[in-house]
């Protein structure tokens, strides 16, 4: 089974459904055909840093890039 990919816009709309409209994570997950644990992760990620959330296309956040650079040095 191939792993599904979701756009940044889709993830943001899914998070808004839960946070702004008050739909439960379980119900939103069923409606969107996304596992509720994945949706919870999106809500948490968006809540911690909305601007940097869901960079897409394998782009890492700056702090993740720094951690990766330091790992390579060691």
PDB file of N, CA and C in Angstrom:
ATOM      1  N   UNK A   1       0.842  -1.186   0.000  1.00  0.00           N
ATOM      2  CA  UNK A   1       0.000   0.000   0.000  1.00  0.00           C
ATOM      3  C   UNK A   1       0.883   1.243   0.000  1.00  0.00           C
ATOM      4  N   UNK A   2       0.565   2.157  -0.884  1.00  0.00           N
ATOM      5  CA  UNK A   2       1.361   3.374  -1.015  1.00  0.00           C
ATOM      6  C   UNK A   2       0.964   4.387   0.065  1.00  0.00           C
ATOM      7  N   UNK A   3       1.932   5.064   0.603  1.00  0.00           N
ATOM      8  CA  UNK A   3       1.690   6.082   1.619  1.00  0.00           C
ATOM      9  C   UNK A   3       1.023   7.297   0.969  1.00  0.00           C
ATOM     10  N   UNK A   4      -0.027   7.783   1.604  1.00  0.00           N
ATOM     11  CA  UNK A   4      -0.730   8.940   1.060  1.00  0.00           C
ATOM     12  C   UNK A   4      -0.030  10.220   1.476  1.00  0.00           C
ATOM     13  N   UNK A   5      -0.116  11.231   0.611  1.00  0.00           N
ATOM     14  CA  UNK A   5       0.467  12.535   0.903  1.00  0.00           C
ATOM     15  C   UNK A   5      -0.661  13.561   0.890  1.00  0.00           C
ATOM     16  N   UNK A   6      -0.605  14.475   1.845  1.00  0.00           N
ATOM     17  CA  UNK A   6      -1.619  15.507   1.950  1.00  0.00           C
ATOM     18  C   UNK A   6      -0.960  16.869   1.817  1.00  0.00           C
ATOM     19  N   UNK A   7      -1.637  17.763   1.125  1.00  0.00           N
ATOM     20  CA  UNK A   7      -1.092  19.103   0.935  1.00  0.00           C
ATOM     21  C   UNK A   7      -1.139  19.882   2.245  1.00  0.00           C
ATOM     22  N   UNK A   8      -0.336  20.926   2.302  1.00  0.00           N
ATOM     23  CA  UNK A   8      -0.327  21.799   3.470  1.00  0.00           C
ATOM     24  C   UNK A   8      -1.713  22.401   3.683  1.00  0.00           C
ATOM     25  N   UNK A   9      -2.364  22.794   2.594  1.00  0.00           N
ATOM     26  CA  UNK A   9      -3.691  23.398   2.673  1.00  0.00           C
ATOM     27  C   UNK A   9      -4.707  22.421   3.264  1.00  0.00           C
ATOM     28  N   UNK A  10      -4.635  21.161   2.846  1.00  0.00           N
ATOM     29  CA  UNK A  10      -5.546  20.146   3.375  1.00  0.00           C
ATOM     30  C   UNK A  10      -5.347  19.994   4.876  1.00  0.00           C
ATOM     31  N   UNK A  11      -4.096  19.923   5.309  1.00  0.00           N
ATOM     32  CA  UNK A  11      -3.798  19.749   6.730  1.00  0.00           C
ATOM     33  C   UNK A  11      -4.302  20.940   7.541  1.00  0.00           C
ATOM     34  N   UNK A  12      -4.087  22.140   7.035  1.00  0.00           N
ATOM     35  CA  UNK A  12      -4.538  23.341   7.754  1.00  0.00           C
ATOM     36  C   UNK A  12      -6.061  23.349   7.862  1.00  0.00           C
ATOM     37  N   UNK A  13      -6.745  23.005   6.792  1.00  0.00           N
ATOM     38  CA  UNK A  13      -8.214  22.963   6.836  1.00  0.00           C
ATOM     39  C   UNK A  13      -8.701  21.886   7.804  1.00  0.00           C
ATOM     40  N   UNK A  14      -8.008  20.755   7.850  1.00  0.00           N
ATOM     41  CA  UNK A  14      -8.373  19.690   8.783  1.00  0.00           C
ATOM     42  C   UNK A  14      -8.199  20.164  10.229  1.00  0.00           C
ATOM     43  N   UNK A  15      -7.106  20.866  10.495  1.00  0.00           N
ATOM     44  CA  UNK A  15      -6.852  21.397  11.834  1.00  0.00           C
ATOM     45  C   UNK A  15      -7.913  22.436  12.197  1.00  0.00           C
ATOM     46  N   UNK A  16      -8.273  23.295  11.262  1.00  0.00           N
ATOM     47  CA  UNK A  16      -9.298  24.309  11.519  1.00  0.00           C
ATOM     48  C   UNK A  16     -10.642  23.666  11.834  1.00  0.00           C
ATOM     49  N   UNK A  17     -10.929  22.570  11.161  1.00  0.00           N
ATOM     50  CA  UNK A  17     -12.173  21.849  11.413  1.00  0.00           C
ATOM     51  C   UNK A  17     -12.261  21.454  12.888  1.00  0.00           C
ATOM     52  N   UNK A  18     -11.148  21.010  13.438  1.00  0.00           N
ATOM     53  CA  UNK A  18     -11.112  20.579  14.840  1.00  0.00           C
ATOM     54  C   UNK A  18     -11.052  21.775  15.783  1.00  0.00           C
ATOM     55  N   UNK A  19     -10.157  22.711  15.521  1.00  0.00           N
ATOM     56  CA  UNK A  19      -9.917  23.799  16.474  1.00  0.00           C
ATOM     57  C   UNK A  19     -10.958  24.909  16.417  1.00  0.00           C
ATOM     58  N   UNK A  20     -11.406  25.271  15.240  1.00  0.00           N
ATOM     59  CA  UNK A  20     -12.305  26.414  15.114  1.00  0.00           C
ATOM     60  C   UNK A  20     -13.779  26.016  15.063  1.00  0.00           C
ATOM     61  N   UNK A  21     -14.066  24.890  14.458  1.00  0.00           N
ATOM     62  CA  UNK A  21     -15.463  24.481  14.331  1.00  0.00           C
ATOM     63  C   UNK A  21     -15.908  23.551  15.446  1.00  0.00           C
ATOM     64  N   UNK A  22     -14.951  23.051  16.227  1.00  0.00           N
ATOM     65  CA  UNK A  22     -15.298  22.205  17.368  1.00  0.00           C
ATOM     66  C   UNK A  22     -15.668  20.775  17.026  1.00  0.00           C
ATOM     67  N   UNK A  23     -15.316  20.321  15.837  1.00  0.00           N
ATOM     68  CA  UNK A  23     -15.558  18.931  15.455  1.00  0.00           C
ATOM     69  C   UNK A  23     -14.547  18.064  16.194  1.00  0.00           C
ATOM     70  N   UNK A  24     -14.993  16.932  16.711  1.00  0.00           N
ATOM     71  CA  UNK A  24     -14.067  16.050  17.431  1.00  0.00           C
ATOM     72  C   UNK A  24     -13.026  15.496  16.462  1.00  0.00           C
ATOM     73  N   UNK A  25     -11.872  15.165  17.001  1.00  0.00           N
ATOM     74  CA  UNK A  25     -10.798  14.604  16.174  1.00  0.00           C
ATOM     75  C   UNK A  25     -11.267  13.299  15.546  1.00  0.00           C
ATOM     76  N   UNK A  26     -11.957  12.487  16.318  1.00  0.00           N
ATOM     77  CA  UNK A  26     -12.437  11.204  15.799  1.00  0.00           C
ATOM     78  C   UNK A  26     -13.402  11.410  14.626  1.00  0.00           C
ATOM     79  N   UNK A  27     -14.356  12.341  14.782  1.00  0.00           N
ATOM     80  CA  UNK A  27     -15.324  12.579  13.719  1.00  0.00           C
ATOM     81  C   UNK A  27     -14.662  13.186  12.486  1.00  0.00           C
ATOM     82  N   UNK A  28     -13.790  14.161  12.697  1.00  0.00           N
ATOM     83  CA  UNK A  28     -13.086  14.785  11.572  1.00  0.00           C
ATOM     84  C   UNK A  28     -12.244  13.749  10.832  1.00  0.00           C
ATOM     85  N   UNK A  29     -11.584  12.877  11.582  1.00  0.00           N
ATOM     86  CA  UNK A  29     -10.794  11.824  10.960  1.00  0.00           C
ATOM     87  C   UNK A  29     -11.638  10.912  10.084  1.00  0.00           C
ATOM     88  N   UNK A  30     -12.806  10.537  10.592  1.00  0.00           N
ATOM     89  CA  UNK A  30     -13.715   9.687   9.793  1.00  0.00           C
ATOM     90  C   UNK A  30     -14.187  10.430   8.546  1.00  0.00           C
ATOM     91  N   UNK A  31     -14.567  11.689   8.723  1.00  0.00           N
ATOM     92  CA  UNK A  31     -15.071  12.474   7.596  1.00  0.00           C
ATOM     93  C   UNK A  31     -14.018  12.676   6.506  1.00  0.00           C
ATOM     94  N   UNK A  32     -12.782  12.867   6.931  1.00  0.00           N
ATOM     95  CA  UNK A  32     -11.696  13.156   5.983  1.00  0.00           C
ATOM     96  C   UNK A  32     -10.924  11.910   5.551  1.00  0.00           C
ATOM     97  N   UNK A  33     -11.264  10.763   6.134  1.00  0.00           N
ATOM     98  CA  UNK A  33     -10.557   9.505   5.871  1.00  0.00           C
ATOM     99  C   UNK A  33      -9.074   9.618   6.231  1.00  0.00           C
ATOM    100  N   UNK A  34      -8.846  10.174   7.440  1.00  0.00           N
ATOM    101  CA  UNK A  34      -7.493  10.297   7.988  1.00  0.00           C
ATOM    102  C   UNK A  34      -7.535   9.685   9.382  1.00  0.00           C
ATOM    103  N   UNK A  35      -6.554   8.869   9.714  1.00  0.00           N
ATOM    104  CA  UNK A  35      -6.527   8.261  11.042  1.00  0.00           C
ATOM    105  C   UNK A  35      -6.481   9.354  12.104  1.00  0.00           C
ATOM    106  N   UNK A  36      -7.235   9.168  13.184  1.00  0.00           N
ATOM    107  CA  UNK A  36      -7.319  10.225  14.188  1.00  0.00           C
ATOM    108  C   UNK A  36      -5.979  10.534  14.840  1.00  0.00           C
ATOM    109  N   UNK A  37      -5.083   9.555  14.946  1.00  0.00           N
ATOM    110  CA  UNK A  37      -3.757   9.842  15.505  1.00  0.00           C
ATOM    111  C   UNK A  37      -2.963  10.781  14.605  1.00  0.00           C
ATOM    112  N   UNK A  38      -3.116  10.622  13.308  1.00  0.00           N
ATOM    113  CA  UNK A  38      -2.443  11.512  12.358  1.00  0.00           C
ATOM    114  C   UNK A  38      -3.007  12.923  12.500  1.00  0.00           C
ATOM    115  N   UNK A  39      -4.320  13.015  12.604  1.00  0.00           N
ATOM    116  CA  UNK A  39      -4.968  14.310  12.753  1.00  0.00           C
ATOM    117  C   UNK A  39      -4.557  14.986  14.063  1.00  0.00           C
ATOM    118  N   UNK A  40      -4.450  14.209  15.136  1.00  0.00           N
ATOM    119  CA  UNK A  40      -3.980  14.769  16.419  1.00  0.00           C
ATOM    120  C   UNK A  40      -2.558  15.326  16.280  1.00  0.00           C
ATOM    121  N   UNK A  41      -1.717  14.614  15.542  1.00  0.00           N
ATOM    122  CA  UNK A  41      -0.344  15.072  15.315  1.00  0.00           C
ATOM    123  C   UNK A  41      -0.348  16.399  14.554  1.00  0.00           C
ATOM    124  N   UNK A  42      -1.210  16.512  13.544  1.00  0.00           N
ATOM    125  CA  UNK A  42      -1.307  17.752  12.779  1.00  0.00           C
ATOM    126  C   UNK A  42      -1.752  18.907  13.667  1.00  0.00           C
ATOM    127  N   UNK A  43      -2.749  18.656  14.528  1.00  0.00           N
ATOM    128  CA  UNK A  43      -3.247  19.696  15.433  1.00  0.00           C
ATOM    129  C   UNK A  43      -2.131  20.151  16.366  1.00  0.00           C
ATOM    130  N   UNK A  44      -1.387  19.196  16.893  1.00  0.00           N
ATOM    131  CA  UNK A  44      -0.285  19.521  17.810  1.00  0.00           C
ATOM    132  C   UNK A  44       0.808  20.307  17.092  1.00  0.00           C
ATOM    133  N   UNK A  45       1.184  19.863  15.905  1.00  0.00           N
ATOM    134  CA  UNK A  45       2.234  20.528  15.137  1.00  0.00           C
ATOM    135  C   UNK A  45       1.828  21.952  14.761  1.00  0.00           C
ATOM    136  N   UNK A  46       0.592  22.111  14.338  1.00  0.00           N
ATOM    137  CA  UNK A  46       0.108  23.434  13.961  1.00  0.00           C
ATOM    138  C   UNK A  46       0.012  24.347  15.183  1.00  0.00           C
ATOM    139  N   UNK A  47      -0.374  23.787  16.309  1.00  0.00           N
ATOM    140  CA  UNK A  47      -0.493  24.570  17.539  1.00  0.00           C
ATOM    141  C   UNK A  47       0.836  25.071  18.054  1.00  0.00           C
ATOM    142  N   UNK A  48       1.894  24.301  17.860  1.00  0.00           N
ATOM    143  CA  UNK A  48       3.202  24.701  18.371  1.00  0.00           C
ATOM    144  C   UNK A  48       3.878  25.754  17.508  1.00  0.00           C
ATOM    145  N   UNK A  49       3.651  25.730  16.196  1.00  0.00           N
ATOM    146  CA  UNK A  49       4.279  26.710  15.307  1.00  0.00           C
ATOM    147  C   UNK A  49       3.514  26.773  13.984  1.00  0.00           C
ATOM    148  N   UNK A  50       2.433  27.579  13.928  1.00  0.00           N
ATOM    149  CA  UNK A  50       1.598  27.613  12.720  1.00  0.00           C
ATOM    150  C   UNK A  50       2.334  28.036  11.449  1.00  0.00           C
ATOM    151  N   UNK A  51       3.316  28.905  11.568  1.00  0.00           N
ATOM    152  CA  UNK A  51       4.022  29.396  10.379  1.00  0.00           C
ATOM    153  C   UNK A  51       4.906  28.304   9.784  1.00  0.00           C
ATOM    154  N   UNK A  52       5.601  27.563  10.632  1.00  0.00           N
ATOM    155  CA  UNK A  52       6.532  26.538  10.162  1.00  0.00           C
ATOM    156  C   UNK A  52       5.884  25.160  10.003  1.00  0.00           C
ATOM    157  N   UNK A  53       4.625  25.021  10.397  1.00  0.00           N
ATOM    158  CA  UNK A  53       3.972  23.716  10.331  1.00  0.00           C
ATOM    159  C   UNK A  53       3.797  23.261   8.885  1.00  0.00           C
ATOM    160  N   UNK A  54       3.990  21.980   8.677  1.00  0.00           N
ATOM    161  CA  UNK A  54       3.769  21.335   7.379  1.00  0.00           C
ATOM    162  C   UNK A  54       4.586  21.978   6.255  1.00  0.00           C
ATOM    163  N   UNK A  55       5.913  21.956   6.358  1.00  0.00           N
ATOM    164  CA  UNK A  55       6.733  22.590   5.326  1.00  0.00           C
ATOM    165  C   UNK A  55       6.603  21.929   3.958  1.00  0.00           C
ATOM    166  N   UNK A  56       6.364  20.641   3.926  1.00  0.00           N
ATOM    167  CA  UNK A  56       6.120  19.943   2.652  1.00  0.00           C
ATOM    168  C   UNK A  56       7.370  19.652   1.856  1.00  0.00           C
ATOM    169  N   UNK A  57       7.240  18.723   0.956  1.00  0.00           N
ATOM    170  CA  UNK A  57       8.300  18.312   0.027  1.00  0.00           C
ATOM    171  C   UNK A  57       9.607  17.977   0.737  1.00  0.00           C
ATOM    172  N   UNK A  58       9.518  17.402   1.917  1.00  0.00           N
ATOM    173  CA  UNK A  58      10.710  16.959   2.628  1.00  0.00           C
ATOM    174  C   UNK A  58      11.562  18.072   3.193  1.00  0.00           C
ATOM    175  N   UNK A  59      11.039  19.280   3.237  1.00  0.00           N
ATOM    176  CA  UNK A  59      11.801  20.388   3.784  1.00  0.00           C
ATOM    177  C   UNK A  59      11.751  20.325   5.301  1.00  0.00           C
ATOM    178  N   UNK A  60      12.914  20.462   5.903  1.00  0.00           N
ATOM    179  CA  UNK A  60      12.979  20.424   7.349  1.00  0.00           C
ATOM    180  C   UNK A  60      12.908  21.832   7.925  1.00  0.00           C
ATOM    181  N   UNK A  61      12.408  21.901   9.145  1.00  0.00           N
ATOM    182  CA  UNK A  61      12.420  23.168   9.864  1.00  0.00           C
ATOM    183  C   UNK A  61      13.875  23.529  10.125  1.00  0.00           C
ATOM    184  N   UNK A  62      14.187  24.809  10.313  1.00  0.00           N
ATOM    185  CA  UNK A  62      15.582  25.212  10.535  1.00  0.00           C
ATOM    186  C   UNK A  62      16.246  24.474  11.694  1.00  0.00           C
ATOM    187  N   UNK A  63      15.516  24.281  12.796  1.00  0.00           N
ATOM    188  CA  UNK A  63      16.125  23.577  13.928  1.00  0.00           C
ATOM    189  C   UNK A  63      16.379  22.106  13.598  1.00  0.00           C
ATOM    190  N   UNK A  64      15.532  21.509  12.750  1.00  0.00           N
ATOM    191  CA  UNK A  64      15.770  20.136  12.334  1.00  0.00           C
ATOM    192  C   UNK A  64      17.000  20.054  11.426  1.00  0.00           C
ATOM    193  N   UNK A  65      17.185  21.054  10.575  1.00  0.00           N
ATOM    194  CA  UNK A  65      18.365  21.091   9.713  1.00  0.00           C
ATOM    195  C   UNK A  65      19.637  21.184  10.545  1.00  0.00           C
ATOM    196  N   UNK A  66      19.608  22.000  11.589  1.00  0.00           N
ATOM    197  CA  UNK A  66      20.775  22.160  12.461  1.00  0.00           C
ATOM    198  C   UNK A  66      21.090  20.855  13.182  1.00  0.00           C
ATOM    199  N   UNK A  67      20.072  20.179  13.674  1.00  0.00           N
ATOM    200  CA  UNK A  67      20.276  18.893  14.356  1.00  0.00           C
ATOM    201  C   UNK A  67      20.875  17.886  13.384  1.00  0.00           C
ATOM    202  N   UNK A  68      20.362  17.841  12.162  1.00  0.00           N
ATOM    203  CA  UNK A  68      20.886  16.920  11.160  1.00  0.00           C
ATOM    204  C   UNK A  68      22.337  17.244  10.813  1.00  0.00           C
ATOM    205  N   UNK A  69      22.652  18.534  10.688  1.00  0.00           N
ATOM    206  CA  UNK A  69      24.023  18.944  10.395  1.00  0.00           C
ATOM    207  C   UNK A  69      24.963  18.505  11.518  1.00  0.00           C
ATOM    208  N   UNK A  70      24.549  18.689  12.762  1.00  0.00           N
ATOM    209  CA  UNK A  70      25.385  18.293  13.888  1.00  0.00           C
ATOM    210  C   UNK A  70      25.563  16.767  13.948  1.00  0.00           C
ATOM    211  N   UNK A  71      24.516  16.022  13.604  1.00  0.00           N
ATOM    212  CA  UNK A  71      24.640  14.558  13.578  1.00  0.00           C
ATOM    213  C   UNK A  71      25.679  14.117  12.562  1.00  0.00           C
ATOM    214  N   UNK A  72      25.673  14.785  11.394  1.00  0.00           N
ATOM    215  CA  UNK A  72      26.642  14.411  10.366  1.00  0.00           C
ATOM    216  C   UNK A  72      28.067  14.707  10.806  1.00  0.00           C
ATOM    217  N   UNK A  73      28.242  15.807  11.552  1.00  0.00           N
ATOM    218  CA  UNK A  73      29.584  16.165  12.033  1.00  0.00           C
ATOM    219  C   UNK A  73      30.118  15.133  13.017  1.00  0.00           C
ATOM    220  N   UNK A  74      29.230  14.598  13.835  1.00  0.00           N
ATOM    221  CA  UNK A  74      29.642  13.623  14.851  1.00  0.00           C
ATOM    222  C   UNK A  74      29.788  12.300  14.181  1.00  0.00           C
TER     223      UNK A  74
END
